[in-house]
Protein backbone atom coordinates (compact mmCIF):
# COMPACT_ATOMS: atom_id res chain seq x y z
CA MET A 1 20.55 64.39 27.32
CA ALA A 2 19.76 66.56 30.30
CA SER A 3 22.56 67.20 32.70
CA GLU A 4 22.10 67.74 36.41
CA THR A 5 22.89 71.20 37.70
CA ILE A 6 24.39 71.89 41.09
CA PHE A 7 21.00 72.99 42.46
CA GLN A 8 19.42 69.67 41.47
CA SER A 9 21.90 67.53 43.39
CA ASN A 10 20.79 65.61 46.46
CA ILE A 11 23.17 67.41 48.80
CA VAL A 12 21.80 70.81 47.90
CA GLN A 13 18.14 69.78 48.01
CA GLN A 14 18.27 67.67 51.16
CA PHE A 15 20.82 69.53 53.27
CA ILE A 16 21.82 73.00 52.13
CA LEU A 17 18.45 74.50 51.13
CA PRO A 18 16.57 73.26 54.24
CA PHE A 19 19.42 74.51 56.43
CA VAL A 20 19.39 77.95 54.80
CA LEU A 21 15.59 78.14 55.09
CA VAL A 22 15.49 77.21 58.78
CA PHE A 23 18.54 79.32 59.65
CA THR A 24 17.05 82.39 57.96
CA LEU A 25 13.64 81.98 59.57
CA VAL A 26 15.00 81.41 63.07
CA PHE A 27 17.52 84.25 62.79
CA ALA A 28 14.86 86.66 61.50
CA ILE A 29 12.45 85.73 64.27
CA LEU A 30 15.13 86.12 66.94
CA GLU A 31 16.21 89.48 65.53
CA LYS A 32 12.65 90.78 65.25
CA THR A 33 11.53 89.69 68.72
CA LYS A 34 14.79 90.72 70.41
CA LEU A 35 14.38 87.68 72.65
CA PHE A 36 17.95 87.83 73.99
CA GLY A 37 18.25 91.61 74.03
CA GLU A 38 19.34 94.37 71.68
CA ASP A 39 22.49 94.05 69.52
CA LYS A 40 22.88 90.29 70.07
CA LYS A 41 23.37 89.28 66.43
CA GLN A 42 26.18 86.85 67.24
CA LEU A 43 24.09 85.00 69.83
CA ASN A 44 21.08 84.93 67.52
CA ALA A 45 23.25 83.60 64.67
CA ILE A 46 24.69 80.82 66.85
CA ILE A 47 21.25 79.77 68.06
CA ALA A 48 19.87 79.83 64.50
CA LEU A 49 22.90 77.80 63.34
CA VAL A 50 22.33 75.14 65.98
CA ILE A 51 18.60 74.89 65.28
CA GLY A 52 19.29 74.70 61.53
CA LEU A 53 21.83 71.92 62.00
CA ILE A 54 19.49 69.99 64.28
CA PHE A 55 16.75 70.31 61.67
CA VAL A 56 18.99 69.07 58.85
CA THR A 57 20.36 66.10 60.81
CA ALA A 58 16.87 64.72 61.41
CA VAL A 59 16.72 62.24 58.51
CA PHE A 60 13.05 61.62 57.74
CA PRO A 61 11.25 64.80 58.79
CA THR A 62 13.55 67.03 56.77
CA VAL A 63 12.07 66.19 53.38
CA VAL A 64 8.46 66.04 54.52
CA VAL A 65 8.58 69.12 56.74
CA THR A 66 10.59 71.16 54.25
CA ASN A 67 8.18 70.46 51.39
CA LYS A 68 5.15 71.35 53.50
CA LEU A 69 6.93 74.31 55.09
CA ILE A 70 7.84 75.83 51.73
CA LEU A 71 4.25 75.48 50.51
CA PHE A 72 2.85 76.97 53.72
CA LEU A 73 5.35 79.84 53.77
CA THR A 74 4.60 80.73 50.16
CA ILE A 75 0.87 80.93 50.80
CA ALA A 76 1.32 82.70 54.14
CA LEU A 77 3.66 85.27 52.61
CA VAL A 78 1.14 86.10 49.89
CA ILE A 79 -1.67 86.40 52.44
CA VAL A 80 0.38 88.62 54.75
CA PHE A 81 1.41 90.83 51.84
CA VAL A 82 -2.18 91.26 50.67
CA VAL A 83 -3.39 92.03 54.20
CA LEU A 84 -0.67 94.62 54.73
CA LEU A 85 -1.39 96.15 51.34
CA LEU A 86 -5.10 96.42 52.12
CA TRP A 87 -4.30 97.78 55.58
CA GLY A 88 -2.14 100.48 54.01
CA PHE A 89 -4.86 101.41 51.52
CA VAL A 90 -7.61 101.59 54.12
CA PHE A 91 -5.82 103.18 57.06
CA GLY A 92 -2.58 104.57 55.62
CA GLU A 93 -1.53 107.78 57.35
CA ILE A 94 -4.23 109.14 59.60
CA LYS A 95 -4.99 112.69 58.55
CA GLU A 96 -6.24 115.33 60.95
CA GLY A 97 -9.85 115.32 59.76
CA PHE A 98 -10.23 111.58 59.18
CA LYS A 99 -10.01 108.92 61.84
CA PRO A 100 -11.58 105.54 61.12
CA ALA A 101 -14.34 104.63 63.52
CA ASP A 102 -13.87 101.73 65.88
CA TRP A 103 -16.60 99.76 64.17
CA MET A 104 -14.73 100.04 60.85
CA LYS A 105 -11.66 98.44 62.43
CA TRP A 106 -13.75 95.63 63.87
CA VAL A 107 -15.53 94.97 60.57
CA LEU A 108 -12.24 94.91 58.67
CA GLY A 109 -10.70 92.58 61.26
CA ILE A 110 -13.65 90.19 61.06
CA LEU A 111 -13.58 90.21 57.24
CA ILE A 112 -9.86 89.44 57.22
CA GLY A 113 -10.39 86.69 59.79
CA LEU A 114 -13.16 85.13 57.70
CA ALA A 115 -11.09 85.37 54.54
CA VAL A 116 -8.19 83.51 56.12
């Protein structure tokens, strides 16, 4: 007989994990963009907390949005990682004798755009 673990319970799957996901994303975006200024971690944390709680208290969209959001974020994270890896291989550190031509940047940008 299979027993239910704490991570398989309804409370964790429907409330805690979506809250942690939304809180982390909002906090990271606010920290990266410095929307409210430098060294405002407390304000960013409070805003992320409020947005996370609002997201969790919405009854129906939580399950649907969270499932689609996790799928989208997984695919987007892989795509961003591959693009950054290719960018590092192609352009890396610009040496004194080698500077990529402007047309190379445009071609690479168009290829990445078509691939996505």
